[in-house]
């Protein structure tokens, strides 16, 4: 019965992937949520700085979870947070030079993770797209 549940398969797969990420990211002094935040910041590095709320929206994290994570990244010298001069409620998050440079040092992480799954690139793209569709559908259903 349990093994037939999609939710259990997603839960155990997520835990297994996180277990593989943990030692890899530890080499860089990062946790998995910190890595995800950096991925978003690297993606938007050459655009207008993201706000904390914008970053949270992309990661599906609330500010109570995101603020301590950013505080640790800032303490590590990877990001800086700046209050907007126009609206003090808005806080921009930007990569430091060290945060930008870390991207190159971590370039091999996706390959290592792909190898750990035992799946080919096409299978991983299909899996990602399916999970993205499930997430989007659930969020749309919650908003109705």
C-alpha atoms as a PDB file:
ATOM      1  CA  UNK A   1       0.000   0.000   0.000  1.00  0.00           C
ATOM      2  CA  UNK A   2       2.655   2.553   1.041  1.00  0.00           C
ATOM      3  CA  UNK A   3       4.922   1.690  -1.902  1.00  0.00           C
ATOM      4  CA  UNK A   4       2.033   2.399  -4.259  1.00  0.00           C
ATOM      5  CA  UNK A   5       1.678   5.988  -3.056  1.00  0.00           C
ATOM      6  CA  UNK A   6       3.096   8.731  -5.303  1.00  0.00           C
ATOM      7  CA  UNK A   7       3.597  10.963  -2.258  1.00  0.00           C
ATOM      8  CA  UNK A   8       5.859   8.367  -0.639  1.00  0.00           C
ATOM      9  CA  UNK A   9       7.898   7.918  -3.817  1.00  0.00           C
ATOM     10  CA  UNK A  10       8.379  11.712  -4.034  1.00  0.00           C
ATOM     11  CA  UNK A  11       9.271  11.928  -0.348  1.00  0.00           C
ATOM     12  CA  UNK A  12      11.874   9.160  -0.468  1.00  0.00           C
ATOM     13  CA  UNK A  13      13.344  10.411  -3.757  1.00  0.00           C
ATOM     14  CA  UNK A  14      13.675  13.907  -2.301  1.00  0.00           C
ATOM     15  CA  UNK A  15      15.398  12.571   0.801  1.00  0.00           C
ATOM     16  CA  UNK A  16      17.728  10.404  -1.285  1.00  0.00           C
ATOM     17  CA  UNK A  17      18.739  13.340  -3.500  1.00  0.00           C
ATOM     18  CA  UNK A  18      19.298  15.566  -0.489  1.00  0.00           C
ATOM     19  CA  UNK A  19      21.482  12.839   1.049  1.00  0.00           C
ATOM     20  CA  UNK A  20      23.626  12.837  -2.102  1.00  0.00           C
ATOM     21  CA  UNK A  21      23.815  16.638  -2.191  1.00  0.00           C
ATOM     22  CA  UNK A  22      24.818  16.961   1.477  1.00  0.00           C
ATOM     23  CA  UNK A  23      28.478  15.822   1.239  1.00  0.00           C
ATOM     24  CA  UNK A  24      28.994  17.452  -2.155  1.00  0.00           C
ATOM     25  CA  UNK A  25      27.732  20.820  -0.915  1.00  0.00           C
ATOM     26  CA  UNK A  26      29.633  20.439   2.362  1.00  0.00           C
ATOM     27  CA  UNK A  27      32.818  20.658   0.273  1.00  0.00           C
ATOM     28  CA  UNK A  28      31.768  24.260  -0.400  1.00  0.00           C
ATOM     29  CA  UNK A  29      30.404  24.970   3.072  1.00  0.00           C
ATOM     30  CA  UNK A  30      26.799  25.080   1.844  1.00  0.00           C
ATOM     31  CA  UNK A  31      23.488  23.514   2.736  1.00  0.00           C
ATOM     32  CA  UNK A  32      21.015  22.438   0.078  1.00  0.00           C
ATOM     33  CA  UNK A  33      18.668  25.424   0.620  1.00  0.00           C
ATOM     34  CA  UNK A  34      21.666  27.792   0.435  1.00  0.00           C
ATOM     35  CA  UNK A  35      22.693  26.169  -2.843  1.00  0.00           C
ATOM     36  CA  UNK A  36      19.200  26.661  -4.246  1.00  0.00           C
ATOM     37  CA  UNK A  37      19.290  30.347  -3.294  1.00  0.00           C
ATOM     38  CA  UNK A  38      22.649  30.722  -5.012  1.00  0.00           C
ATOM     39  CA  UNK A  39      21.333  29.014  -8.149  1.00  0.00           C
ATOM     40  CA  UNK A  40      18.593  31.642  -8.383  1.00  0.00           C
ATOM     41  CA  UNK A  41      21.009  34.494  -7.699  1.00  0.00           C
ATOM     42  CA  UNK A  42      23.434  33.181 -10.344  1.00  0.00           C
ATOM     43  CA  UNK A  43      20.560  32.968 -12.836  1.00  0.00           C
ATOM     44  CA  UNK A  44      19.644  36.633 -12.272  1.00  0.00           C
ATOM     45  CA  UNK A  45      23.184  37.893 -11.656  1.00  0.00           C
ATOM     46  CA  UNK A  46      23.297  40.222 -14.659  1.00  0.00           C
ATOM     47  CA  UNK A  47      19.816  41.635 -14.163  1.00  0.00           C
ATOM     48  CA  UNK A  48      18.237  43.966 -11.635  1.00  0.00           C
ATOM     49  CA  UNK A  49      19.029  42.670  -8.118  1.00  0.00           C
ATOM     50  CA  UNK A  50      16.371  40.381  -6.705  1.00  0.00           C
ATOM     51  CA  UNK A  51      14.532  41.384  -3.580  1.00  0.00           C
ATOM     52  CA  UNK A  52      14.253  39.005  -0.658  1.00  0.00           C
ATOM     53  CA  UNK A  53      10.565  38.553  -1.488  1.00  0.00           C
ATOM     54  CA  UNK A  54      11.389  37.916  -5.172  1.00  0.00           C
ATOM     55  CA  UNK A  55      13.952  35.301  -4.217  1.00  0.00           C
ATOM     56  CA  UNK A  56      11.486  33.732  -1.798  1.00  0.00           C
ATOM     57  CA  UNK A  57       8.826  33.547  -4.495  1.00  0.00           C
ATOM     58  CA  UNK A  58      11.179  31.731  -6.870  1.00  0.00           C
ATOM     59  CA  UNK A  59      12.194  29.272  -4.137  1.00  0.00           C
ATOM     60  CA  UNK A  60       8.679  28.931  -2.672  1.00  0.00           C
ATOM     61  CA  UNK A  61      10.062  29.970   0.740  1.00  0.00           C
ATOM     62  CA  UNK A  62       8.637  32.482   3.186  1.00  0.00           C
ATOM     63  CA  UNK A  63      10.764  35.268   4.649  1.00  0.00           C
ATOM     64  CA  UNK A  64      10.957  33.510   8.023  1.00  0.00           C
ATOM     65  CA  UNK A  65      12.809  30.635   6.361  1.00  0.00           C
ATOM     66  CA  UNK A  66      14.726  32.714   3.847  1.00  0.00           C
ATOM     67  CA  UNK A  67      16.083  35.430   6.159  1.00  0.00           C
ATOM     68  CA  UNK A  68      18.250  33.126   8.332  1.00  0.00           C
ATOM     69  CA  UNK A  69      19.500  31.362   5.192  1.00  0.00           C
ATOM     70  CA  UNK A  70      20.532  34.709   3.655  1.00  0.00           C
ATOM     71  CA  UNK A  71      22.092  35.803   6.925  1.00  0.00           C
ATOM     72  CA  UNK A  72      24.360  32.740   6.830  1.00  0.00           C
ATOM     73  CA  UNK A  73      25.248  33.337   3.162  1.00  0.00           C
ATOM     74  CA  UNK A  74      26.046  36.945   4.024  1.00  0.00           C
ATOM     75  CA  UNK A  75      28.217  35.868   6.976  1.00  0.00           C
ATOM     76  CA  UNK A  76      30.082  33.560   4.580  1.00  0.00           C
ATOM     77  CA  UNK A  77      30.757  36.538   2.314  1.00  0.00           C
ATOM     78  CA  UNK A  78      28.718  35.192  -0.610  1.00  0.00           C
ATOM     79  CA  UNK A  79      25.872  37.736  -0.703  1.00  0.00           C
ATOM     80  CA  UNK A  80      25.020  41.192   0.563  1.00  0.00           C
ATOM     81  CA  UNK A  81      21.585  42.518   1.465  1.00  0.00           C
ATOM     82  CA  UNK A  82      20.777  46.192   0.941  1.00  0.00           C
ATOM     83  CA  UNK A  83      17.681  48.129   1.920  1.00  0.00           C
ATOM     84  CA  UNK A  84      16.139  50.190  -0.834  1.00  0.00           C
ATOM     85  CA  UNK A  85      16.654  53.919  -0.428  1.00  0.00           C
ATOM     86  CA  UNK A  86      13.214  54.459  -1.974  1.00  0.00           C
ATOM     87  CA  UNK A  87      11.300  51.869   0.059  1.00  0.00           C
ATOM     88  CA  UNK A  88      12.945  50.564   3.236  1.00  0.00           C
ATOM     89  CA  UNK A  89      10.642  47.548   3.237  1.00  0.00           C
ATOM     90  CA  UNK A  90      12.387  46.254   0.107  1.00  0.00           C
ATOM     91  CA  UNK A  91      15.701  44.479   0.592  1.00  0.00           C
ATOM     92  CA  UNK A  92      17.816  43.579  -2.430  1.00  0.00           C
ATOM     93  CA  UNK A  93      20.055  40.506  -2.405  1.00  0.00           C
ATOM     94  CA  UNK A  94      23.225  40.578  -4.490  1.00  0.00           C
ATOM     95  CA  UNK A  95      26.119  38.228  -4.980  1.00  0.00           C
ATOM     96  CA  UNK A  96      29.552  39.311  -3.824  1.00  0.00           C
ATOM     97  CA  UNK A  97      32.625  38.625  -5.951  1.00  0.00           C
ATOM     98  CA  UNK A  98      33.160  35.475  -3.869  1.00  0.00           C
ATOM     99  CA  UNK A  99      29.543  34.416  -4.467  1.00  0.00           C
ATOM    100  CA  UNK A 100      29.932  34.888  -8.203  1.00  0.00           C
ATOM    101  CA  UNK A 101      33.249  33.024  -8.259  1.00  0.00           C
ATOM    102  CA  UNK A 102      31.735  30.097  -6.384  1.00  0.00           C
ATOM    103  CA  UNK A 103      29.582  29.345  -9.415  1.00  0.00           C
ATOM    104  CA  UNK A 104      32.612  28.281 -11.438  1.00  0.00           C
ATOM    105  CA  UNK A 105      33.986  26.183  -8.616  1.00  0.00           C
ATOM    106  CA  UNK A 106      30.656  24.370  -8.362  1.00  0.00           C
ATOM    107  CA  UNK A 107      30.217  23.753 -12.090  1.00  0.00           C
ATOM    108  CA  UNK A 108      30.683  19.995 -11.646  1.00  0.00           C
ATOM    109  CA  UNK A 109      27.867  19.585  -9.088  1.00  0.00           C
ATOM    110  CA  UNK A 110      25.077  18.945 -11.659  1.00  0.00           C
ATOM    111  CA  UNK A 111      27.152  16.269 -13.397  1.00  0.00           C
ATOM    112  CA  UNK A 112      27.872  14.568 -10.083  1.00  0.00           C
ATOM    113  CA  UNK A 113      24.194  14.618  -9.192  1.00  0.00           C
ATOM    114  CA  UNK A 114      23.160  13.307 -12.604  1.00  0.00           C
ATOM    115  CA  UNK A 115      25.624  10.464 -12.219  1.00  0.00           C
ATOM    116  CA  UNK A 116      24.254   9.644  -8.756  1.00  0.00           C
ATOM    117  CA  UNK A 117      20.705   9.221 -10.111  1.00  0.00           C
ATOM    118  CA  UNK A 118      21.664   6.647 -12.713  1.00  0.00           C
ATOM    119  CA  UNK A 119      19.305   8.367 -15.156  1.00  0.00           C
ATOM    120  CA  UNK A 120      20.147   9.805 -18.537  1.00  0.00           C
ATOM    121  CA  UNK A 121      19.782  13.469 -19.390  1.00  0.00           C
ATOM    122  CA  UNK A 122      16.512  12.930 -21.294  1.00  0.00           C
ATOM    123  CA  UNK A 123      14.986  11.000 -18.390  1.00  0.00           C
ATOM    124  CA  UNK A 124      15.972  13.733 -15.941  1.00  0.00           C
ATOM    125  CA  UNK A 125      14.472  16.455 -18.148  1.00  0.00           C
ATOM    126  CA  UNK A 126      11.236  14.471 -18.417  1.00  0.00           C
ATOM    127  CA  UNK A 127      11.163  13.891 -14.652  1.00  0.00           C
ATOM    128  CA  UNK A 128      11.818  17.578 -13.952  1.00  0.00           C
ATOM    129  CA  UNK A 129       9.113  18.671 -16.366  1.00  0.00           C
ATOM    130  CA  UNK A 130       6.591  16.246 -14.864  1.00  0.00           C
ATOM    131  CA  UNK A 131       7.335  17.389 -11.315  1.00  0.00           C
ATOM    132  CA  UNK A 132       7.138  21.037 -12.379  1.00  0.00           C
ATOM    133  CA  UNK A 133       3.735  20.377 -13.945  1.00  0.00           C
ATOM    134  CA  UNK A 134       2.516  18.644 -10.772  1.00  0.00           C
ATOM    135  CA  UNK A 135       3.690  21.544  -8.611  1.00  0.00           C
ATOM    136  CA  UNK A 136       2.133  24.156 -10.885  1.00  0.00           C
ATOM    137  CA  UNK A 137      -1.174  22.281 -10.991  1.00  0.00           C
ATOM    138  CA  UNK A 138      -1.288  21.933  -7.201  1.00  0.00           C
ATOM    139  CA  UNK A 139      -0.539  25.637  -6.713  1.00  0.00           C
ATOM    140  CA  UNK A 140      -3.217  26.605  -9.240  1.00  0.00           C
ATOM    141  CA  UNK A 141      -5.722  24.357  -7.479  1.00  0.00           C
ATOM    142  CA  UNK A 142      -4.897  25.922  -4.100  1.00  0.00           C
ATOM    143  CA  UNK A 143      -5.522  29.424  -5.503  1.00  0.00           C
ATOM    144  CA  UNK A 144      -9.055  28.580  -6.699  1.00  0.00           C
END
